[in-house]
Amino acid sequence: MFEELGFQNLTAPQAVVYYALVLGVAFGALAQITKFCFRRMIVGTDRRAAAGVWFTALAVAVGGTQIAVTAGVISFDTHRFMAVDLSWLAIALGGLLFGAGMVLARGCASRLTVLGATGNLRALTVILVFAVTAHATMKGLLAPLRVALGDVTVSFGTLPSLASLPGGGWTYVALIVAVSLTIAARSGVRPQMLALAALLGALVPLAWVGTGFILYDDFDPIAFESLSFTRPASDTLFWSIASTSVSPGFGTGLLGGVLLGALAASLLTGTFAWQSFDSPRQTGRYVSGAVLMGVGGVLAGGCTVGAGLSGVPTLSLASLLAIVTMATGAWLTDALLTRLAGAKRSSGADGARPTTPTLQPAE
């Protein structure tokens, strides 16, 4: 469709950067205001409210994306999410690692990107390490590990999608949307905030339609993608250090837009504040989380936004496996840390030197 828009001095690969920039600004602002975060929904102190925001966005993302599919505007039949050979080991292990990492870093990749724009130097450090590790896993030192794990597959013989199961796609769409809206309705979150979460969710189908239909050009193709943070972080890092030889893409525009949108929202709402690490121990914990998220995000095929908020609306079984294992990894890691903290407090009560970790929440 891009060639019909009549642009004279703008190619599709160039246009998609600006398109992603606009989507990123909207996501950054909305995520900052709503405190959109998958980790908080799993292990946060305000899990119920966080779940209301996240599932409202998911309901709109699923509904909007599948309406576009039904209308014939886009199709996921050839997308990587629908590979017939499902790399189950890489996805499951990656999901567990990512979930553990976001608990250690106290925020998933998307949330920490947003927080980095609000003056949180902890978040910026994590995102930088996350980007380096993700790039190393995709194209560098850790790439052989990724390939080896990815070779362990199970073949479905057909598209690994909920749409291929008995009942058809819209049965599962209705189920996901109904469950999501029920959770949102019972969350206690103000309707105004849920409305903003719905707008955030609408960015997912807008991105799918934008890259798969509006900006599609047979003569100058672009990647068919939506909101994500793993590959965009890697691409942005690579572009930043080699911009004279590497052109920016959708991910670069998206990440830049998120930073701008979150910065603007934090300044307008008076929530911008410089924050940093309290101790070397805290720094080590956050950096360890960043490394786990970098490796895990690549193995799982995306982060909680890429494989979750954007992936689940495709009805891909790979995305469902990724987001479930991310939640499992986060819950298990939080339970382990809680148990270790309890053991240390008990040890301190028996006369040993008490250990009180100084952990600042990233959210």
Protein backbone atom coordinates (compact mmCIF):
# COMPACT_ATOMS: atom_id res chain seq x y z
CA MET A 1 0.00 0.00 0.00
CA PHE A 2 2.92 2.36 0.64
CA GLU A 3 3.48 3.11 -3.05
CA GLU A 4 -0.12 4.35 -3.28
CA LEU A 5 0.44 7.01 -0.61
CA GLY A 6 2.38 9.15 -3.06
CA PHE A 7 5.56 9.86 -1.11
CA GLN A 8 8.26 11.26 -3.38
CA ASN A 9 11.29 11.55 -1.13
CA LEU A 10 10.57 8.95 1.53
CA THR A 11 11.05 5.20 1.23
CA ALA A 12 9.15 2.61 3.26
CA PRO A 13 12.20 1.81 5.48
CA GLN A 14 12.51 5.52 6.23
CA ALA A 15 8.80 6.04 6.82
CA VAL A 16 8.61 3.14 9.29
CA VAL A 17 11.15 4.87 11.56
CA TYR A 18 8.88 7.91 11.88
CA TYR A 19 5.84 5.68 12.30
CA ALA A 20 7.56 3.78 15.10
CA LEU A 21 8.67 7.04 16.68
CA VAL A 22 5.05 8.20 16.96
CA LEU A 23 3.95 4.84 18.40
CA GLY A 24 6.87 4.92 20.82
CA VAL A 25 6.02 8.40 22.10
CA ALA A 26 2.47 7.27 22.76
CA PHE A 27 3.60 4.06 24.48
CA GLY A 28 6.16 5.87 26.63
CA ALA A 29 3.68 8.47 27.83
CA LEU A 30 0.86 5.99 28.44
CA ALA A 31 3.11 3.43 30.15
CA GLN A 32 4.52 6.09 32.46
CA ILE A 33 1.10 7.38 33.47
CA THR A 34 -0.52 3.95 33.92
CA LYS A 35 2.62 2.30 35.42
CA PHE A 36 2.21 -0.48 32.88
CA CYS A 37 4.39 -3.40 34.03
CA PHE A 38 4.12 -7.17 33.77
CA ARG A 39 6.42 -7.81 36.73
CA ARG A 40 4.24 -5.81 39.10
CA MET A 41 1.28 -7.93 38.05
CA ILE A 42 3.10 -11.12 39.09
CA VAL A 43 5.07 -10.17 42.22
CA GLY A 44 4.36 -6.52 42.97
CA THR A 45 2.71 -5.21 46.11
CA ASP A 46 -0.12 -3.82 43.95
CA ARG A 47 -0.62 -6.88 41.77
CA ARG A 48 -4.36 -6.40 41.43
CA ALA A 49 -4.11 -2.87 40.05
CA ALA A 50 -1.21 -3.77 37.78
CA ALA A 51 -3.19 -6.74 36.42
CA GLY A 52 -6.13 -4.47 35.64
CA VAL A 53 -3.95 -2.21 33.51
CA TRP A 54 -2.07 -5.03 31.78
CA PHE A 55 -5.11 -7.14 30.94
CA THR A 56 -7.08 -4.14 29.67
CA ALA A 57 -4.26 -3.46 27.22
CA LEU A 58 -4.15 -7.14 26.27
CA ALA A 59 -7.89 -7.32 25.60
CA VAL A 60 -7.73 -4.39 23.18
CA ALA A 61 -4.53 -5.69 21.56
CA VAL A 62 -6.04 -9.14 20.96
CA GLY A 63 -9.38 -7.85 19.70
CA GLY A 64 -7.88 -5.20 17.44
CA THR A 65 -5.27 -7.49 15.95
CA GLN A 66 -7.71 -10.28 15.17
CA ILE A 67 -10.21 -7.86 13.61
CA ALA A 68 -7.43 -6.81 11.23
CA VAL A 69 -6.66 -10.48 10.49
CA THR A 70 -10.33 -11.29 9.83
CA ALA A 71 -10.62 -8.26 7.54
CA GLY A 72 -7.71 -9.62 5.50
CA VAL A 73 -5.55 -6.59 6.19
CA ILE A 74 -2.72 -8.63 7.75
CA SER A 75 -1.80 -12.29 8.09
CA PHE A 76 0.58 -14.10 10.43
CA ASP A 77 0.81 -17.32 8.39
CA THR A 78 4.45 -16.68 7.45
CA HIS A 79 5.49 -14.81 10.60
CA ARG A 80 8.25 -16.24 12.80
CA PHE A 81 5.70 -16.71 15.60
CA MET A 82 4.06 -19.34 13.41
CA ALA A 83 7.08 -21.50 12.61
CA VAL A 84 5.83 -25.08 12.25
CA ASP A 85 8.82 -26.39 14.22
CA LEU A 86 8.38 -24.92 17.70
CA SER A 87 11.68 -24.33 19.52
CA TRP A 88 10.12 -25.28 22.83
CA LEU A 89 13.33 -25.65 24.85
CA ALA A 90 14.73 -22.26 23.87
CA ILE A 91 11.39 -20.54 24.47
CA ALA A 92 10.73 -22.19 27.82
CA LEU A 93 14.27 -21.68 29.13
CA GLY A 94 14.34 -18.14 27.78
CA GLY A 95 11.04 -17.34 29.45
CA LEU A 96 12.26 -18.63 32.81
CA LEU A 97 15.49 -16.65 32.53
CA PHE A 98 13.68 -13.48 31.52
CA GLY A 99 11.21 -13.85 34.38
CA ALA A 100 14.04 -14.31 36.87
CA GLY A 101 15.90 -11.35 35.42
CA MET A 102 12.99 -8.94 35.65
CA VAL A 103 12.57 -9.79 39.34
CA LEU A 104 16.27 -9.21 40.05
CA ALA A 105 16.20 -5.94 38.09
CA ARG A 106 12.80 -5.04 39.54
CA GLY A 107 11.26 -4.32 36.18
CA CYS A 108 10.82 -5.83 32.73
CA ALA A 109 12.57 -4.35 29.70
CA SER A 110 9.68 -2.10 28.70
CA ARG A 111 9.11 -0.73 32.18
CA LEU A 112 12.80 -0.05 32.72
CA THR A 113 13.04 1.75 29.38
CA VAL A 114 10.20 4.01 30.48
CA LEU A 115 11.78 4.56 33.91
CA GLY A 116 15.14 5.34 32.35
CA ALA A 117 13.60 8.42 30.77
CA THR A 118 12.35 9.63 34.16
CA GLY A 119 15.82 9.98 35.68
CA ASN A 120 16.24 6.43 36.97
CA LEU A 121 19.91 5.63 36.38
CA ARG A 122 19.42 2.10 37.65
CA ALA A 123 16.95 1.48 34.85
CA LEU A 124 19.25 3.03 32.23
CA THR A 125 22.12 0.82 33.36
CA VAL A 126 19.96 -2.28 33.15
CA ILE A 127 18.72 -1.40 29.64
CA LEU A 128 22.28 -0.81 28.41
CA VAL A 129 23.48 -4.18 29.75
CA PHE A 130 20.28 -5.80 28.46
CA ALA A 131 20.93 -4.46 24.96
CA VAL A 132 24.56 -5.63 24.92
CA THR A 133 23.61 -9.11 26.15
CA ALA A 134 20.73 -9.41 23.70
CA HIS A 135 23.00 -8.45 20.82
CA ALA A 136 25.63 -10.97 21.97
CA THR A 137 22.94 -13.67 22.07
CA MET A 138 21.61 -12.85 18.62
CA LYS A 139 24.83 -12.21 16.72
CA GLY A 140 27.81 -12.52 19.04
CA LEU A 141 29.50 -14.72 21.60
CA LEU A 142 26.30 -16.38 22.82
CA ALA A 143 24.82 -17.00 19.37
CA PRO A 144 26.02 -20.66 19.22
CA LEU A 145 24.10 -21.34 22.44
CA ARG A 146 20.98 -19.78 20.94
CA VAL A 147 21.30 -21.89 17.80
CA ALA A 148 21.88 -25.11 19.75
CA LEU A 149 18.85 -24.57 21.97
CA GLY A 150 16.74 -23.47 19.02
CA ASP A 151 17.45 -26.75 17.23
CA VAL A 152 15.48 -28.65 19.88
CA THR A 153 12.01 -28.49 18.36
CA VAL A 154 8.66 -30.19 18.17
CA SER A 155 6.78 -30.19 14.86
CA PHE A 156 3.07 -29.43 14.79
CA GLY A 157 2.56 -30.24 11.13
CA THR A 158 0.35 -27.18 10.92
CA LEU A 159 0.49 -23.61 12.18
CA PRO A 160 1.16 -23.64 15.95
CA SER A 161 -1.73 -21.30 16.62
CA LEU A 162 -4.86 -21.29 18.73
CA ALA A 163 -6.71 -20.74 15.47
CA SER A 164 -5.69 -24.24 14.40
CA LEU A 165 -7.25 -25.85 17.47
CA PRO A 166 -10.87 -27.07 17.75
CA GLY A 167 -13.25 -24.17 18.08
CA GLY A 168 -11.35 -21.80 15.81
CA GLY A 169 -9.52 -18.58 16.49
CA TRP A 170 -12.45 -16.40 17.51
CA THR A 171 -13.44 -18.82 20.26
CA TYR A 172 -10.09 -18.24 21.94
CA VAL A 173 -10.14 -14.53 21.17
CA ALA A 174 -13.49 -14.23 22.93
CA LEU A 175 -12.17 -16.23 25.87
CA ILE A 176 -9.00 -14.15 26.24
CA VAL A 177 -10.89 -10.87 25.94
CA ALA A 178 -13.62 -11.97 28.38
CA VAL A 179 -11.13 -13.14 31.02
CA SER A 180 -8.99 -10.03 30.56
CA LEU A 181 -11.91 -7.62 30.91
CA THR A 182 -13.20 -9.52 33.97
CA ILE A 183 -9.80 -9.14 35.66
CA ALA A 184 -9.76 -5.46 34.73
CA ALA A 185 -13.28 -4.89 36.06
CA ARG A 186 -12.36 -6.46 39.40
CA SER A 187 -9.03 -4.67 39.74
CA GLY A 188 -10.37 -1.53 41.35
CA VAL A 189 -8.48 0.66 38.88
CA ARG A 190 -10.18 3.95 37.97
CA PRO A 191 -12.02 3.90 34.61
CA GLN A 192 -9.89 6.80 33.37
CA MET A 193 -6.74 4.77 33.93
CA LEU A 194 -8.24 1.71 32.25
CA ALA A 195 -9.13 3.90 29.27
CA LEU A 196 -5.48 4.94 28.97
CA ALA A 197 -4.46 1.28 29.24
CA ALA A 198 -6.88 0.51 26.39
CA LEU A 199 -5.20 3.18 24.26
CA LEU A 200 -1.84 1.59 25.03
CA GLY A 201 -3.17 -1.79 23.92
CA ALA A 202 -4.46 -0.28 20.68
CA LEU A 203 -0.88 0.56 19.71
CA VAL A 204 -0.24 -3.15 19.11
CA PRO A 205 -2.67 -3.62 16.17
CA LEU A 206 -1.71 -0.18 14.89
CA ALA A 207 1.90 -1.35 14.68
CA TRP A 208 0.95 -4.67 13.04
CA VAL A 209 -1.25 -2.93 10.46
CA GLY A 210 1.29 -0.17 9.90
CA THR A 211 4.20 -2.48 9.16
CA GLY A 212 2.19 -5.24 7.49
CA PHE A 213 -0.19 -3.18 5.34
CA ILE A 214 0.06 0.61 5.33
CA LEU A 215 3.84 0.78 4.85
CA TYR A 216 4.15 -2.49 2.95
CA ASP A 217 6.10 -2.05 -0.27
CA ASP A 218 6.87 -4.96 -2.63
CA PHE A 219 9.92 -3.17 -4.01
CA ASP A 220 11.40 -2.05 -0.68
CA PRO A 221 10.08 -4.43 2.01
CA ILE A 222 10.21 -3.82 5.75
CA ALA A 223 9.86 -6.25 8.65
CA PHE A 224 6.35 -7.12 9.78
CA GLU A 225 6.47 -6.31 13.51
CA SER A 226 4.80 -4.65 16.45
CA LEU A 227 5.80 -3.37 19.88
CA SER A 228 8.83 -5.11 21.34
CA PHE A 229 11.96 -4.23 23.30
CA THR A 230 14.52 -7.03 22.94
CA ARG A 231 15.53 -6.65 19.30
CA PRO A 232 14.86 -2.88 19.32
CA ALA A 233 17.30 -2.48 22.24
CA SER A 234 19.93 -4.44 20.34
CA ASP A 235 19.28 -2.62 17.06
CA THR A 236 19.37 0.78 18.74
CA LEU A 237 22.67 -0.02 20.43
CA PHE A 238 24.17 -1.19 17.13
CA TRP A 239 22.85 1.86 15.28
CA SER A 240 24.15 4.21 17.98
CA ILE A 241 27.74 3.02 17.58
CA ALA A 242 27.68 2.49 13.81
CA SER A 243 25.11 4.93 12.45
CA THR A 244 27.24 5.85 9.44
CA SER A 245 27.00 2.29 8.14
CA VAL A 246 23.76 1.04 9.71
CA SER A 247 20.36 2.56 8.99
CA PRO A 248 17.77 2.94 11.74
CA GLY A 249 14.68 0.75 11.63
CA PHE A 250 11.34 0.29 13.35
CA GLY A 251 12.98 -0.75 16.63
CA THR A 252 15.24 2.28 16.76
CA GLY A 253 12.37 4.65 16.17
CA LEU A 254 10.21 2.83 18.73
CA LEU A 255 12.83 2.92 21.49
CA GLY A 256 13.63 6.57 20.85
CA GLY A 257 9.95 7.42 20.93
CA VAL A 258 9.38 5.56 24.20
CA LEU A 259 12.18 7.53 25.85
CA LEU A 260 10.80 10.83 24.55
CA GLY A 261 7.21 10.03 25.51
CA ALA A 262 8.10 8.87 29.02
CA LEU A 263 10.36 11.88 29.56
CA ALA A 264 7.62 14.28 28.48
CA ALA A 265 5.03 12.56 30.70
CA SER A 266 7.31 12.59 33.74
CA LEU A 267 8.15 16.28 33.28
CA LEU A 268 4.52 17.28 32.79
CA THR A 269 3.36 15.28 35.83
CA GLY A 270 6.27 16.32 38.03
CA THR A 271 7.52 12.75 38.53
CA PHE A 272 10.97 13.17 36.99
CA ALA A 273 13.64 12.49 39.62
CA TRP A 274 17.26 11.42 39.48
CA GLN A 275 17.85 8.05 41.14
CA SER A 276 20.86 5.76 41.34
CA PHE A 277 22.24 2.65 43.04
CA ASP A 278 22.69 2.48 46.80
CA SER A 279 25.43 -0.14 46.98
CA PRO A 280 27.68 -2.43 44.91
CA ARG A 281 25.50 -5.36 45.98
CA GLN A 282 22.42 -3.70 44.56
CA THR A 283 24.29 -2.89 41.35
CA GLY A 284 25.31 -6.53 40.99
CA ARG A 285 21.74 -7.69 41.43
CA TYR A 286 20.38 -5.34 38.78
CA VAL A 287 23.16 -6.13 36.29
CA SER A 288 22.61 -9.86 36.81
CA GLY A 289 18.93 -9.33 36.06
CA ALA A 290 19.81 -7.41 32.90
CA VAL A 291 22.00 -10.26 31.65
CA LEU A 292 19.30 -12.85 32.30
CA MET A 293 16.71 -10.72 30.51
CA GLY A 294 19.02 -10.16 27.56
CA VAL A 295 19.64 -13.87 27.05
CA GLY A 296 16.11 -14.88 27.96
CA GLY A 297 14.42 -12.30 25.75
CA VAL A 298 16.23 -13.54 22.66
CA LEU A 299 15.68 -17.25 23.43
CA ALA A 300 11.99 -16.69 24.18
CA GLY A 301 11.44 -14.68 21.02
CA GLY A 302 10.71 -11.42 22.80
CA CYS A 303 10.07 -9.72 26.12
CA THR A 304 6.80 -9.39 28.04
CA VAL A 305 5.69 -6.86 25.43
CA GLY A 306 7.16 -8.46 22.31
CA ALA A 307 6.15 -12.05 23.11
CA GLY A 308 3.30 -11.08 25.42
CA LEU A 309 1.33 -7.95 24.61
CA SER A 310 2.19 -8.13 20.89
CA GLY A 311 2.67 -11.90 20.57
CA VAL A 312 -0.45 -13.25 22.28
CA PRO A 313 -2.78 -11.30 19.91
CA THR A 314 -1.35 -13.35 17.03
CA LEU A 315 -2.72 -16.46 18.83
CA SER A 316 0.74 -18.02 18.54
CA LEU A 317 1.41 -21.00 20.83
CA ALA A 318 5.07 -19.94 20.98
CA SER A 319 4.07 -16.57 22.44
CA LEU A 320 1.74 -18.19 24.95
CA LEU A 321 4.54 -20.54 26.08
CA ALA A 322 6.93 -17.60 26.38
CA ILE A 323 4.66 -15.40 28.50
CA VAL A 324 3.61 -18.28 30.78
CA THR A 325 7.21 -19.28 31.46
CA MET A 326 8.15 -15.64 32.08
CA ALA A 327 5.45 -15.41 34.73
CA THR A 328 6.61 -18.73 36.20
CA GLY A 329 10.25 -17.63 36.30
CA ALA A 330 9.31 -14.37 38.01
CA TRP A 331 7.15 -16.09 40.62
CA LEU A 332 9.75 -18.76 41.44
CA THR A 333 12.57 -16.21 41.71
CA ASP A 334 10.53 -13.92 43.96
CA ALA A 335 9.60 -16.88 46.18
CA LEU A 336 13.26 -17.90 46.44
CA LEU A 337 14.41 -14.36 47.30
CA THR A 338 11.67 -14.05 49.92
CA ARG A 339 12.72 -17.33 51.49
CA LEU A 340 16.40 -16.33 51.53
CA ALA A 341 15.54 -12.97 53.09
CA GLY A 342 13.52 -14.74 55.79
CA ALA A 343 16.41 -17.09 56.52
CA LYS A 344 18.80 -14.15 56.88
CA ARG A 345 16.46 -12.36 59.27
CA SER A 346 16.19 -15.51 61.37
CA SER A 347 19.96 -15.81 61.41
CA GLY A 348 20.27 -12.23 62.57
CA ALA A 349 17.77 -12.82 65.36
CA ASP A 350 19.94 -15.69 66.67
CA GLY A 351 22.87 -13.40 67.23
CA ALA A 352 24.46 -13.31 63.83
CA ARG A 353 25.00 -9.99 62.14
CA PRO A 354 21.67 -9.03 60.54
CA THR A 355 21.55 -8.46 56.85
CA THR A 356 19.11 -5.86 55.60
CA PRO A 357 19.25 -5.49 51.83
CA THR A 358 18.67 -1.95 50.63
CA LEU A 359 16.48 -2.54 47.61
CA GLN A 360 14.88 0.36 45.83
CA PRO A 361 11.97 -0.58 43.61
CA ALA A 362 12.43 0.23 39.96
CA GLU A 363 8.71 0.72 39.40
